[in-house]
């Protein structure tokens, strides 16, 4: 079973009640898809500021750099194609479902040009 390391900073730009709910969703996804989470909670933010007069301890960046958060995810080109195919299908730009697009093969140049146009 693959384990994902996640740094958790509750309330960092969102309400404190959002983080536990988000973690429940991630844990349910892990159970459903066969992965586990190794969570490291860092209680930094507004409450920390009120108590300590700063948002995080002086060694916070060192603490985070020591933990292996350098691999956000393994890159999978097929996953990227599936993502874009799903988005294009959702907005009605293509009628094929993502699996059909992957099975037929797609020209990456077309996809890159399309991304450029959508960003413009």
PDB file of N, CA and C in Angstrom:
ATOM      1  N   UNK A   1       0.855  -1.179   0.000  1.00  0.00           N
ATOM      2  CA  UNK A   1       0.000   0.000   0.000  1.00  0.00           C
ATOM      3  C   UNK A   1       0.899   1.239   0.000  1.00  0.00           C
ATOM      4  N   UNK A   2       0.607   2.158  -0.864  1.00  0.00           N
ATOM      5  CA  UNK A   2       1.359   3.410  -0.955  1.00  0.00           C
ATOM      6  C   UNK A   2       0.933   4.341   0.169  1.00  0.00           C
ATOM      7  N   UNK A   3       1.913   5.021   0.759  1.00  0.00           N
ATOM      8  CA  UNK A   3       1.648   5.984   1.820  1.00  0.00           C
ATOM      9  C   UNK A   3       2.052   7.367   1.345  1.00  0.00           C
ATOM     10  N   UNK A   4       1.174   8.330   1.562  1.00  0.00           N
ATOM     11  CA  UNK A   4       1.440   9.716   1.177  1.00  0.00           C
ATOM     12  C   UNK A   4       1.693  10.551   2.428  1.00  0.00           C
ATOM     13  N   UNK A   5       2.793  11.293   2.430  1.00  0.00           N
ATOM     14  CA  UNK A   5       3.116  12.207   3.524  1.00  0.00           C
ATOM     15  C   UNK A   5       2.454  13.545   3.254  1.00  0.00           C
ATOM     16  N   UNK A   6       1.711  14.052   4.241  1.00  0.00           N
ATOM     17  CA  UNK A   6       1.015  15.321   4.070  1.00  0.00           C
ATOM     18  C   UNK A   6       1.249  16.200   5.288  1.00  0.00           C
ATOM     19  N   UNK A   7       1.713  17.422   5.035  1.00  0.00           N
ATOM     20  CA  UNK A   7       1.829  18.420   6.101  1.00  0.00           C
ATOM     21  C   UNK A   7       0.469  19.092   6.226  1.00  0.00           C
ATOM     22  N   UNK A   8      -0.046  19.150   7.425  1.00  0.00           N
ATOM     23  CA  UNK A   8      -1.369  19.725   7.665  1.00  0.00           C
ATOM     24  C   UNK A   8      -1.199  20.976   8.529  1.00  0.00           C
ATOM     25  N   UNK A   9      -1.679  22.100   8.006  1.00  0.00           N
ATOM     26  CA  UNK A   9      -1.667  23.351   8.754  1.00  0.00           C
ATOM     27  C   UNK A   9      -3.117  23.807   8.840  1.00  0.00           C
ATOM     28  N   UNK A  10      -3.838  23.373   9.882  1.00  0.00           N
ATOM     29  CA  UNK A  10      -5.268  23.696   9.992  1.00  0.00           C
ATOM     30  C   UNK A  10      -5.517  25.202  10.015  1.00  0.00           C
ATOM     31  N   UNK A  11      -6.515  25.600   9.268  1.00  0.00           N
ATOM     32  CA  UNK A  11      -6.924  26.998   9.270  1.00  0.00           C
ATOM     33  C   UNK A  11      -6.011  27.905   8.485  1.00  0.00           C
ATOM     34  N   UNK A  12      -5.104  27.374   7.699  1.00  0.00           N
ATOM     35  CA  UNK A  12      -4.196  28.207   6.917  1.00  0.00           C
ATOM     36  C   UNK A  12      -4.932  28.782   5.713  1.00  0.00           C
ATOM     37  N   UNK A  13      -5.650  29.870   5.952  1.00  0.00           N
ATOM     38  CA  UNK A  13      -6.398  30.512   4.870  1.00  0.00           C
ATOM     39  C   UNK A  13      -7.826  30.023   4.749  1.00  0.00           C
ATOM     40  N   UNK A  14      -8.193  29.032   5.538  1.00  0.00           N
ATOM     41  CA  UNK A  14      -9.559  28.517   5.553  1.00  0.00           C
ATOM     42  C   UNK A  14     -10.001  28.383   7.002  1.00  0.00           C
ATOM     43  N   UNK A  15     -11.265  28.170   7.235  1.00  0.00           N
ATOM     44  CA  UNK A  15     -11.748  27.981   8.600  1.00  0.00           C
ATOM     45  C   UNK A  15     -11.184  26.711   9.209  1.00  0.00           C
ATOM     46  N   UNK A  16     -10.978  26.748  10.527  1.00  0.00           N
ATOM     47  CA  UNK A  16     -10.426  25.577  11.221  1.00  0.00           C
ATOM     48  C   UNK A  16     -11.301  24.342  11.058  1.00  0.00           C
ATOM     49  N   UNK A  17     -12.600  24.529  10.852  1.00  0.00           N
ATOM     50  CA  UNK A  17     -13.502  23.386  10.724  1.00  0.00           C
ATOM     51  C   UNK A  17     -13.366  22.681   9.370  1.00  0.00           C
ATOM     52  N   UNK A  18     -12.722  23.320   8.404  1.00  0.00           N
ATOM     53  CA  UNK A  18     -12.599  22.729   7.067  1.00  0.00           C
ATOM     54  C   UNK A  18     -11.554  21.615   7.048  1.00  0.00           C
ATOM     55  N   UNK A  19     -10.459  21.793   7.768  1.00  0.00           N
ATOM     56  CA  UNK A  19      -9.372  20.817   7.718  1.00  0.00           C
ATOM     57  C   UNK A  19      -9.798  19.418   8.175  1.00  0.00           C
ATOM     58  N   UNK A  20     -10.472  19.261   9.312  1.00  0.00           N
ATOM     59  CA  UNK A  20     -10.880  17.899   9.701  1.00  0.00           C
ATOM     60  C   UNK A  20     -11.808  17.252   8.665  1.00  0.00           C
ATOM     61  N   UNK A  21     -12.701  18.038   8.088  1.00  0.00           N
ATOM     62  CA  UNK A  21     -13.598  17.487   7.062  1.00  0.00           C
ATOM     63  C   UNK A  21     -12.808  17.063   5.826  1.00  0.00           C
ATOM     64  N   UNK A  22     -11.834  17.881   5.430  1.00  0.00           N
ATOM     65  CA  UNK A  22     -11.010  17.531   4.267  1.00  0.00           C
ATOM     66  C   UNK A  22     -10.200  16.260   4.539  1.00  0.00           C
ATOM     67  N   UNK A  23      -9.683  16.123   5.754  1.00  0.00           N
ATOM     68  CA  UNK A  23      -8.921  14.927   6.093  1.00  0.00           C
ATOM     69  C   UNK A  23      -9.805  13.687   6.097  1.00  0.00           C
ATOM     70  N   UNK A  24     -11.045  13.837   6.525  1.00  0.00           N
ATOM     71  CA  UNK A  24     -11.984  12.700   6.462  1.00  0.00           C
ATOM     72  C   UNK A  24     -12.180  12.250   5.022  1.00  0.00           C
ATOM     73  N   UNK A  25     -12.309  13.203   4.120  1.00  0.00           N
ATOM     74  CA  UNK A  25     -12.484  12.874   2.701  1.00  0.00           C
ATOM     75  C   UNK A  25     -11.235  12.168   2.174  1.00  0.00           C
ATOM     76  N   UNK A  26     -10.050  12.688   2.499  1.00  0.00           N
ATOM     77  CA  UNK A  26      -8.810  12.051   2.049  1.00  0.00           C
ATOM     78  C   UNK A  26      -8.672  10.638   2.604  1.00  0.00           C
ATOM     79  N   UNK A  27      -9.020  10.447   3.865  1.00  0.00           N
ATOM     80  CA  UNK A  27      -8.926   9.114   4.457  1.00  0.00           C
ATOM     81  C   UNK A  27      -9.926   8.148   3.830  1.00  0.00           C
ATOM     82  N   UNK A  28     -11.119   8.624   3.515  1.00  0.00           N
ATOM     83  CA  UNK A  28     -12.105   7.785   2.824  1.00  0.00           C
ATOM     84  C   UNK A  28     -11.606   7.423   1.427  1.00  0.00           C
ATOM     85  N   UNK A  29     -10.992   8.384   0.751  1.00  0.00           N
ATOM     86  CA  UNK A  29     -10.427   8.097  -0.574  1.00  0.00           C
ATOM     87  C   UNK A  29      -9.323   7.050  -0.458  1.00  0.00           C
ATOM     88  N   UNK A  30      -8.523   7.153   0.591  1.00  0.00           N
ATOM     89  CA  UNK A  30      -7.465   6.168   0.807  1.00  0.00           C
ATOM     90  C   UNK A  30      -8.014   4.774   1.016  1.00  0.00           C
ATOM     91  N   UNK A  31      -9.060   4.668   1.817  1.00  0.00           N
ATOM     92  CA  UNK A  31      -9.681   3.353   2.028  1.00  0.00           C
ATOM     93  C   UNK A  31     -10.252   2.803   0.725  1.00  0.00           C
ATOM     94  N   UNK A  32     -10.867   3.671  -0.058  1.00  0.00           N
ATOM     95  CA  UNK A  32     -11.503   3.232  -1.302  1.00  0.00           C
ATOM     96  C   UNK A  32     -10.490   2.878  -2.387  1.00  0.00           C
ATOM     97  N   UNK A  33      -9.328   3.545  -2.380  1.00  0.00           N
ATOM     98  CA  UNK A  33      -8.376   3.376  -3.476  1.00  0.00           C
ATOM     99  C   UNK A  33      -7.044   2.776  -3.048  1.00  0.00           C
ATOM    100  N   UNK A  34      -6.973   2.289  -1.812  1.00  0.00           N
ATOM    101  CA  UNK A  34      -5.806   1.531  -1.388  1.00  0.00           C
ATOM    102  C   UNK A  34      -4.548   2.328  -1.104  1.00  0.00           C
ATOM    103  N   UNK A  35      -4.660   3.479  -0.477  1.00  0.00           N
ATOM    104  CA  UNK A  35      -3.472   4.200  -0.033  1.00  0.00           C
ATOM    105  C   UNK A  35      -3.703   4.695   1.384  1.00  0.00           C
ATOM    106  N   UNK A  36      -2.601   4.999   2.060  1.00  0.00           N
ATOM    107  CA  UNK A  36      -2.706   5.509   3.416  1.00  0.00           C
ATOM    108  C   UNK A  36      -2.047   6.879   3.493  1.00  0.00           C
ATOM    109  N   UNK A  37      -2.322   7.568   4.586  1.00  0.00           N
ATOM    110  CA  UNK A  37      -1.793   8.911   4.790  1.00  0.00           C
ATOM    111  C   UNK A  37      -0.931   8.924   6.047  1.00  0.00           C
ATOM    112  N   UNK A  38       0.179   9.632   5.968  1.00  0.00           N
ATOM    113  CA  UNK A  38       0.993   9.910   7.146  1.00  0.00           C
ATOM    114  C   UNK A  38       0.933  11.421   7.324  1.00  0.00           C
ATOM    115  N   UNK A  39       0.136  11.853   8.304  1.00  0.00           N
ATOM    116  CA  UNK A  39      -0.132  13.268   8.509  1.00  0.00           C
ATOM    117  C   UNK A  39       0.806  13.845   9.567  1.00  0.00           C
ATOM    118  N   UNK A  40       1.342  15.006   9.287  1.00  0.00           N
ATOM    119  CA  UNK A  40       2.138  15.742  10.260  1.00  0.00           C
ATOM    120  C   UNK A  40       1.451  17.085  10.435  1.00  0.00           C
ATOM    121  N   UNK A  41       0.842  17.271  11.603  1.00  0.00           N
ATOM    122  CA  UNK A  41       0.100  18.509  11.843  1.00  0.00           C
ATOM    123  C   UNK A  41       1.019  19.571  12.429  1.00  0.00           C
ATOM    124  N   UNK A  42       0.913  20.755  11.871  1.00  0.00           N
ATOM    125  CA  UNK A  42       1.657  21.918  12.342  1.00  0.00           C
ATOM    126  C   UNK A  42       0.616  22.954  12.771  1.00  0.00           C
ATOM    127  N   UNK A  43       0.464  23.200  14.066  1.00  0.00           N
ATOM    128  CA  UNK A  43      -0.591  24.094  14.559  1.00  0.00           C
ATOM    129  C   UNK A  43      -0.214  25.572  14.426  1.00  0.00           C
ATOM    130  N   UNK A  44       0.082  25.993  13.209  1.00  0.00           N
ATOM    131  CA  UNK A  44       0.504  27.366  12.975  1.00  0.00           C
ATOM    132  C   UNK A  44      -0.644  28.121  12.322  1.00  0.00           C
ATOM    133  N   UNK A  45      -0.745  29.364  12.586  1.00  0.00           N
ATOM    134  CA  UNK A  45      -1.794  30.183  12.012  1.00  0.00           C
ATOM    135  C   UNK A  45      -2.212  31.251  13.001  1.00  0.00           C
ATOM    136  N   UNK A  46      -3.440  31.684  12.902  1.00  0.00           N
ATOM    137  CA  UNK A  46      -3.915  32.808  13.718  1.00  0.00           C
ATOM    138  C   UNK A  46      -3.905  32.507  15.211  1.00  0.00           C
ATOM    139  N   UNK A  47      -4.345  31.327  15.610  1.00  0.00           N
ATOM    140  CA  UNK A  47      -4.321  30.989  17.037  1.00  0.00           C
ATOM    141  C   UNK A  47      -2.888  30.968  17.567  1.00  0.00           C
ATOM    142  N   UNK A  48      -1.989  30.422  16.766  1.00  0.00           N
ATOM    143  CA  UNK A  48      -0.583  30.407  17.151  1.00  0.00           C
ATOM    144  C   UNK A  48      -0.069  31.841  17.302  1.00  0.00           C
ATOM    145  N   UNK A  49      -0.479  32.702  16.361  1.00  0.00           N
ATOM    146  CA  UNK A  49      -0.064  34.103  16.396  1.00  0.00           C
ATOM    147  C   UNK A  49      -0.545  34.799  17.673  1.00  0.00           C
ATOM    148  N   UNK A  50      -1.801  34.567  18.023  1.00  0.00           N
ATOM    149  CA  UNK A  50      -2.354  35.188  19.224  1.00  0.00           C
ATOM    150  C   UNK A  50      -1.561  34.759  20.458  1.00  0.00           C
ATOM    151  N   UNK A  51      -1.199  33.481  20.501  1.00  0.00           N
ATOM    152  CA  UNK A  51      -0.490  32.955  21.670  1.00  0.00           C
ATOM    153  C   UNK A  51       0.992  33.333  21.699  1.00  0.00           C
ATOM    154  N   UNK A  52       1.637  33.354  20.515  1.00  0.00           N
ATOM    155  CA  UNK A  52       3.090  33.514  20.464  1.00  0.00           C
ATOM    156  C   UNK A  52       3.565  34.820  19.823  1.00  0.00           C
ATOM    157  N   UNK A  53       2.652  35.571  19.206  1.00  0.00           N
ATOM    158  CA  UNK A  53       3.060  36.813  18.558  1.00  0.00           C
ATOM    159  C   UNK A  53       3.714  36.622  17.203  1.00  0.00           C
ATOM    160  N   UNK A  54       3.628  35.435  16.638  1.00  0.00           N
ATOM    161  CA  UNK A  54       4.137  35.140  15.295  1.00  0.00           C
ATOM    162  C   UNK A  54       3.306  34.014  14.709  1.00  0.00           C
ATOM    163  N   UNK A  55       3.318  33.882  13.396  1.00  0.00           N
ATOM    164  CA  UNK A  55       2.479  32.878  12.734  1.00  0.00           C
ATOM    165  C   UNK A  55       3.012  31.460  12.881  1.00  0.00           C
ATOM    166  N   UNK A  56       4.319  31.321  13.056  1.00  0.00           N
ATOM    167  CA  UNK A  56       4.930  29.995  13.194  1.00  0.00           C
ATOM    168  C   UNK A  56       6.244  30.135  13.943  1.00  0.00           C
ATOM    169  N   UNK A  57       6.759  29.039  14.473  1.00  0.00           N
ATOM    170  CA  UNK A  57       8.012  29.126  15.229  1.00  0.00           C
ATOM    171  C   UNK A  57       9.186  29.506  14.313  1.00  0.00           C
ATOM    172  N   UNK A  58      10.265  30.011  14.899  1.00  0.00           N
ATOM    173  CA  UNK A  58      11.421  30.423  14.090  1.00  0.00           C
ATOM    174  C   UNK A  58      12.001  29.307  13.228  1.00  0.00           C
ATOM    175  N   UNK A  59      11.886  28.069  13.675  1.00  0.00           N
ATOM    176  CA  UNK A  59      12.455  26.958  12.912  1.00  0.00           C
ATOM    177  C   UNK A  59      11.452  26.285  11.975  1.00  0.00           C
ATOM    178  N   UNK A  60      10.352  26.958  11.680  1.00  0.00           N
ATOM    179  CA  UNK A  60       9.287  26.342  10.870  1.00  0.00           C
ATOM    180  C   UNK A  60       9.770  25.932   9.485  1.00  0.00           C
ATOM    181  N   UNK A  61      10.480  26.802   8.786  1.00  0.00           N
ATOM    182  CA  UNK A  61      10.939  26.450   7.439  1.00  0.00           C
ATOM    183  C   UNK A  61      11.938  25.303   7.480  1.00  0.00           C
ATOM    184  N   UNK A  62      12.782  25.291   8.488  1.00  0.00           N
ATOM    185  CA  UNK A  62      13.722  24.182   8.643  1.00  0.00           C
ATOM    186  C   UNK A  62      12.954  22.885   8.912  1.00  0.00           C
ATOM    187  N   UNK A  63      11.932  22.971   9.762  1.00  0.00           N
ATOM    188  CA  UNK A  63      11.113  21.799  10.074  1.00  0.00           C
ATOM    189  C   UNK A  63      10.490  21.232   8.806  1.00  0.00           C
ATOM    190  N   UNK A  64       9.919  22.096   7.987  1.00  0.00           N
ATOM    191  CA  UNK A  64       9.279  21.626   6.761  1.00  0.00           C
ATOM    192  C   UNK A  64      10.290  21.103   5.750  1.00  0.00           C
ATOM    193  N   UNK A  65      11.477  21.697   5.697  1.00  0.00           N
ATOM    194  CA  UNK A  65      12.465  21.240   4.724  1.00  0.00           C
ATOM    195  C   UNK A  65      13.035  19.872   5.106  1.00  0.00           C
ATOM    196  N   UNK A  66      12.988  19.520   6.380  1.00  0.00           N
ATOM    197  CA  UNK A  66      13.486  18.223   6.828  1.00  0.00           C
ATOM    198  C   UNK A  66      12.515  17.095   6.501  1.00  0.00           C
ATOM    199  N   UNK A  67      11.255  17.419   6.391  1.00  0.00           N
ATOM    200  CA  UNK A  67      10.246  16.414   6.080  1.00  0.00           C
ATOM    201  C   UNK A  67      10.167  16.284   4.571  1.00  0.00           C
ATOM    202  N   UNK A  68      10.011  15.083   4.092  1.00  0.00           N
ATOM    203  CA  UNK A  68      10.077  14.834   2.660  1.00  0.00           C
ATOM    204  C   UNK A  68       8.767  15.168   1.950  1.00  0.00           C
ATOM    205  N   UNK A  69       8.595  16.459   1.657  1.00  0.00           N
ATOM    206  CA  UNK A  69       7.419  16.896   0.906  1.00  0.00           C
ATOM    207  C   UNK A  69       7.804  17.303  -0.505  1.00  0.00           C
ATOM    208  N   UNK A  70       8.932  16.804  -0.985  1.00  0.00           N
ATOM    209  CA  UNK A  70       9.407  17.208  -2.303  1.00  0.00           C
ATOM    210  C   UNK A  70       8.738  16.425  -3.434  1.00  0.00           C
ATOM    211  N   UNK A  71       8.072  15.328  -3.111  1.00  0.00           N
ATOM    212  CA  UNK A  71       7.382  14.551  -4.145  1.00  0.00           C
ATOM    213  C   UNK A  71       5.894  14.715  -3.963  1.00  0.00           C
ATOM    214  N   UNK A  72       5.318  15.631  -4.717  1.00  0.00           N
ATOM    215  CA  UNK A  72       3.879  15.871  -4.553  1.00  0.00           C
ATOM    216  C   UNK A  72       3.079  14.728  -5.129  1.00  0.00           C
ATOM    217  N   UNK A  73       3.526  14.207  -6.244  1.00  0.00           N
ATOM    218  CA  UNK A  73       2.903  13.012  -6.812  1.00  0.00           C
ATOM    219  C   UNK A  73       3.760  12.532  -7.959  1.00  0.00           C
ATOM    220  N   UNK A  74       3.614  11.270  -8.290  1.00  0.00           N
ATOM    221  CA  UNK A  74       4.325  10.741  -9.447  1.00  0.00           C
ATOM    222  C   UNK A  74       3.621  11.233 -10.695  1.00  0.00           C
ATOM    223  N   UNK A  75       4.402  11.690 -11.667  1.00  0.00           N
ATOM    224  CA  UNK A  75       3.821  12.185 -12.911  1.00  0.00           C
ATOM    225  C   UNK A  75       3.401  11.017 -13.781  1.00  0.00           C
ATOM    226  N   UNK A  76       2.192  11.075 -14.259  1.00  0.00           N
ATOM    227  CA  UNK A  76       1.658  10.045 -15.137  1.00  0.00           C
ATOM    228  C   UNK A  76       1.006  10.753 -16.321  1.00  0.00           C
ATOM    229  N   UNK A  77       1.630  10.699 -17.512  1.00  0.00           N
ATOM    230  CA  UNK A  77       1.070  11.410 -18.663  1.00  0.00           C
ATOM    231  C   UNK A  77      -0.355  10.965 -18.989  1.00  0.00           C
ATOM    232  N   UNK A  78      -0.653   9.689 -18.789  1.00  0.00           N
ATOM    233  CA  UNK A  78      -2.005   9.210 -19.070  1.00  0.00           C
ATOM    234  C   UNK A  78      -3.016   9.862 -18.127  1.00  0.00           C
ATOM    235  N   UNK A  79      -2.608  10.081 -16.878  1.00  0.00           N
ATOM    236  CA  UNK A  79      -3.469  10.749 -15.917  1.00  0.00           C
ATOM    237  C   UNK A  79      -3.747  12.184 -16.361  1.00  0.00           C
ATOM    238  N   UNK A  80      -2.723  12.865 -16.866  1.00  0.00           N
ATOM    239  CA  UNK A  80      -2.910  14.235 -17.363  1.00  0.00           C
ATOM    240  C   UNK A  80      -3.884  14.248 -18.540  1.00  0.00           C
ATOM    241  N   UNK A  81      -3.728  13.299 -19.452  1.00  0.00           N
ATOM    242  CA  UNK A  81      -4.642  13.217 -20.597  1.00  0.00           C
ATOM    243  C   UNK A  81      -6.072  12.961 -20.120  1.00  0.00           C
ATOM    244  N   UNK A  82      -6.221  12.072 -19.159  1.00  0.00           N
ATOM    245  CA  UNK A  82      -7.551  11.755 -18.629  1.00  0.00           C
ATOM    246  C   UNK A  82      -8.173  13.011 -18.005  1.00  0.00           C
ATOM    247  N   UNK A  83      -7.370  13.777 -17.260  1.00  0.00           N
ATOM    248  CA  UNK A  83      -7.850  15.005 -16.632  1.00  0.00           C
ATOM    249  C   UNK A  83      -8.357  15.986 -17.690  1.00  0.00           C
ATOM    250  N   UNK A  84      -7.534  16.264 -18.705  1.00  0.00           N
ATOM    251  CA  UNK A  84      -7.943  17.226 -19.720  1.00  0.00           C
ATOM    252  C   UNK A  84      -9.113  16.708 -20.549  1.00  0.00           C
ATOM    253  N   UNK A  85      -9.111  15.419 -20.839  1.00  0.00           N
ATOM    254  CA  UNK A  85     -10.228  14.854 -21.602  1.00  0.00           C
ATOM    255  C   UNK A  85     -11.530  14.977 -20.821  1.00  0.00           C
ATOM    256  N   UNK A  86     -11.473  14.744 -19.527  1.00  0.00           N
ATOM    257  CA  UNK A  86     -12.664  14.868 -18.693  1.00  0.00           C
ATOM    258  C   UNK A  86     -13.157  16.311 -18.666  1.00  0.00           C
ATOM    259  N   UNK A  87     -12.230  17.268 -18.488  1.00  0.00           N
ATOM    260  CA  UNK A  87     -12.628  18.691 -18.466  1.00  0.00           C
ATOM    261  C   UNK A  87     -13.247  19.097 -19.805  1.00  0.00           C
ATOM    262  N   UNK A  88     -12.624  18.682 -20.910  1.00  0.00           N
ATOM    263  CA  UNK A  88     -13.150  19.033 -22.232  1.00  0.00           C
ATOM    264  C   UNK A  88     -14.519  18.403 -22.464  1.00  0.00           C
ATOM    265  N   UNK A  89     -14.692  17.188 -21.975  1.00  0.00           N
ATOM    266  CA  UNK A  89     -15.979  16.511 -22.100  1.00  0.00           C
ATOM    267  C   UNK A  89     -17.046  17.232 -21.274  1.00  0.00           C
ATOM    268  N   UNK A  90     -16.680  17.648 -20.056  1.00  0.00           N
ATOM    269  CA  UNK A  90     -17.630  18.331 -19.176  1.00  0.00           C
ATOM    270  C   UNK A  90     -18.150  19.629 -19.774  1.00  0.00           C
ATOM    271  N   UNK A  91     -17.291  20.364 -20.473  1.00  0.00           N
ATOM    272  CA  UNK A  91     -17.724  21.649 -21.046  1.00  0.00           C
ATOM    273  C   UNK A  91     -18.270  21.498 -22.460  1.00  0.00           C
ATOM    274  N   UNK A  92     -18.349  20.264 -22.943  1.00  0.00           N
ATOM    275  CA  UNK A  92     -18.967  20.019 -24.242  1.00  0.00           C
ATOM    276  C   UNK A  92     -18.057  20.265 -25.435  1.00  0.00           C
ATOM    277  N   UNK A  93     -16.754  20.390 -25.207  1.00  0.00           N
ATOM    278  CA  UNK A  93     -15.840  20.636 -26.324  1.00  0.00           C
ATOM    279  C   UNK A  93     -15.485  19.355 -27.068  1.00  0.00           C
ATOM    280  N   UNK A  94     -15.611  18.210 -26.406  1.00  0.00           N
ATOM    281  CA  UNK A  94     -15.435  16.917 -27.068  1.00  0.00           C
ATOM    282  C   UNK A  94     -16.558  16.010 -26.604  1.00  0.00           C
ATOM    283  N   UNK A  95     -16.999  15.123 -27.488  1.00  0.00           N
ATOM    284  CA  UNK A  95     -18.091  14.227 -27.107  1.00  0.00           C
ATOM    285  C   UNK A  95     -17.577  12.883 -26.598  1.00  0.00           C
ATOM    286  N   UNK A  96     -16.323  12.549 -26.879  1.00  0.00           N
ATOM    287  CA  UNK A  96     -15.760  11.281 -26.427  1.00  0.00           C
ATOM    288  C   UNK A  96     -15.529  11.317 -24.925  1.00  0.00           C
ATOM    289  N   UNK A  97     -15.643  10.145 -24.297  1.00  0.00           N
ATOM    290  CA  UNK A  97     -15.306  10.099 -22.879  1.00  0.00           C
ATOM    291  C   UNK A  97     -13.790   9.935 -22.744  1.00  0.00           C
ATOM    292  N   UNK A  98     -13.228  10.207 -21.573  1.00  0.00           N
ATOM    293  CA  UNK A  98     -11.773  10.142 -21.410  1.00  0.00           C
ATOM    294  C   UNK A  98     -11.147   8.815 -21.816  1.00  0.00           C
ATOM    295  N   UNK A  99     -11.812   7.701 -21.521  1.00  0.00           N
ATOM    296  CA  UNK A  99     -11.241   6.401 -21.882  1.00  0.00           C
ATOM    297  C   UNK A  99     -11.140   6.218 -23.384  1.00  0.00           C
ATOM    298  N   UNK A 100     -12.121   6.724 -24.126  1.00  0.00           N
ATOM    299  CA  UNK A 100     -12.066   6.636 -25.584  1.00  0.00           C
ATOM    300  C   UNK A 100     -10.918   7.477 -26.133  1.00  0.00           C
ATOM    301  N   UNK A 101     -10.745   8.665 -25.573  1.00  0.00           N
ATOM    302  CA  UNK A 101      -9.667   9.535 -26.034  1.00  0.00           C
ATOM    303  C   UNK A 101      -8.312   8.878 -25.776  1.00  0.00           C
ATOM    304  N   UNK A 102      -8.149   8.257 -24.612  1.00  0.00           N
ATOM    305  CA  UNK A 102      -6.888   7.578 -24.305  1.00  0.00           C
ATOM    306  C   UNK A 102      -6.672   6.377 -25.210  1.00  0.00           C
ATOM    307  N   UNK A 103      -7.738   5.630 -25.470  1.00  0.00           N
ATOM    308  CA  UNK A 103      -7.623   4.439 -26.312  1.00  0.00           C
ATOM    309  C   UNK A 103      -7.256   4.810 -27.742  1.00  0.00           C
ATOM    310  N   UNK A 104      -7.797   5.934 -28.241  1.00  0.00           N
ATOM    311  CA  UNK A 104      -7.540   6.358 -29.616  1.00  0.00           C
ATOM    312  C   UNK A 104      -6.200   7.066 -29.749  1.00  0.00           C
ATOM    313  N   UNK A 105      -5.674   7.553 -28.639  1.00  0.00           N
ATOM    314  CA  UNK A 105      -4.429   8.326 -28.689  1.00  0.00           C
ATOM    315  C   UNK A 105      -4.756   9.768 -29.063  1.00  0.00           C
ATOM    316  N   UNK A 106      -4.034  10.677 -28.498  1.00  0.00           N
ATOM    317  CA  UNK A 106      -4.276  12.092 -28.752  1.00  0.00           C
ATOM    318  C   UNK A 106      -2.947  12.770 -29.009  1.00  0.00           C
ATOM    319  N   UNK A 107      -2.953  13.667 -29.947  1.00  0.00           N
ATOM    320  CA  UNK A 107      -1.755  14.410 -30.288  1.00  0.00           C
ATOM    321  C   UNK A 107      -1.460  15.439 -29.200  1.00  0.00           C
ATOM    322  N   UNK A 108      -0.307  15.326 -28.548  1.00  0.00           N
ATOM    323  CA  UNK A 108       0.040  16.230 -27.454  1.00  0.00           C
ATOM    324  C   UNK A 108       0.145  17.675 -27.926  1.00  0.00           C
ATOM    325  N   UNK A 109       0.545  17.880 -29.174  1.00  0.00           N
ATOM    326  CA  UNK A 109       0.639  19.258 -29.682  1.00  0.00           C
ATOM    327  C   UNK A 109      -0.736  19.907 -29.682  1.00  0.00           C
ATOM    328  N   UNK A 110      -1.758  19.149 -30.068  1.00  0.00           N
ATOM    329  CA  UNK A 110      -3.129  19.670 -30.059  1.00  0.00           C
ATOM    330  C   UNK A 110      -3.528  20.059 -28.637  1.00  0.00           C
ATOM    331  N   UNK A 111      -3.221  19.188 -27.689  1.00  0.00           N
ATOM    332  CA  UNK A 111      -3.581  19.449 -26.300  1.00  0.00           C
ATOM    333  C   UNK A 111      -2.863  20.690 -25.761  1.00  0.00           C
ATOM    334  N   UNK A 112      -1.573  20.825 -26.051  1.00  0.00           N
ATOM    335  CA  UNK A 112      -0.828  21.994 -25.594  1.00  0.00           C
ATOM    336  C   UNK A 112      -1.375  23.278 -26.211  1.00  0.00           C
ATOM    337  N   UNK A 113      -1.709  23.235 -27.496  1.00  0.00           N
ATOM    338  CA  UNK A 113      -2.290  24.412 -28.142  1.00  0.00           C
ATOM    339  C   UNK A 113      -3.641  24.757 -27.532  1.00  0.00           C
ATOM    340  N   UNK A 114      -4.431  23.760 -27.260  1.00  0.00           N
ATOM    341  CA  UNK A 114      -5.732  23.975 -26.653  1.00  0.00           C
ATOM    342  C   UNK A 114      -5.583  24.609 -25.263  1.00  0.00           C
ATOM    343  N   UNK A 115      -4.635  24.118 -24.474  1.00  0.00           N
ATOM    344  CA  UNK A 115      -4.394  24.703 -23.151  1.00  0.00           C
ATOM    345  C   UNK A 115      -4.002  26.175 -23.276  1.00  0.00           C
ATOM    346  N   UNK A 116      -3.141  26.492 -24.247  1.00  0.00           N
ATOM    347  CA  UNK A 116      -2.750  27.895 -24.445  1.00  0.00           C
ATOM    348  C   UNK A 116      -3.950  28.762 -24.776  1.00  0.00           C
ATOM    349  N   UNK A 117      -4.808  28.261 -25.646  1.00  0.00           N
ATOM    350  CA  UNK A 117      -5.995  29.039 -26.038  1.00  0.00           C
ATOM    351  C   UNK A 117      -6.956  29.224 -24.868  1.00  0.00           C
ATOM    352  N   UNK A 118      -7.131  28.192 -24.059  1.00  0.00           N
ATOM    353  CA  UNK A 118      -8.041  28.288 -22.927  1.00  0.00           C
ATOM    354  C   UNK A 118      -7.536  29.268 -21.884  1.00  0.00           C
ATOM    355  N   UNK A 119      -6.220  29.386 -21.739  1.00  0.00           N
ATOM    356  CA  UNK A 119      -5.642  30.308 -20.764  1.00  0.00           C
ATOM    357  C   UNK A 119      -5.717  31.753 -21.247  1.00  0.00           C
ATOM    358  N   UNK A 120      -5.813  31.965 -22.528  1.00  0.00           N
ATOM    359  CA  UNK A 120      -5.816  33.335 -23.081  1.00  0.00           C
ATOM    360  C   UNK A 120      -7.122  34.051 -22.833  1.00  0.00           C
TER     361      UNK A 120
END
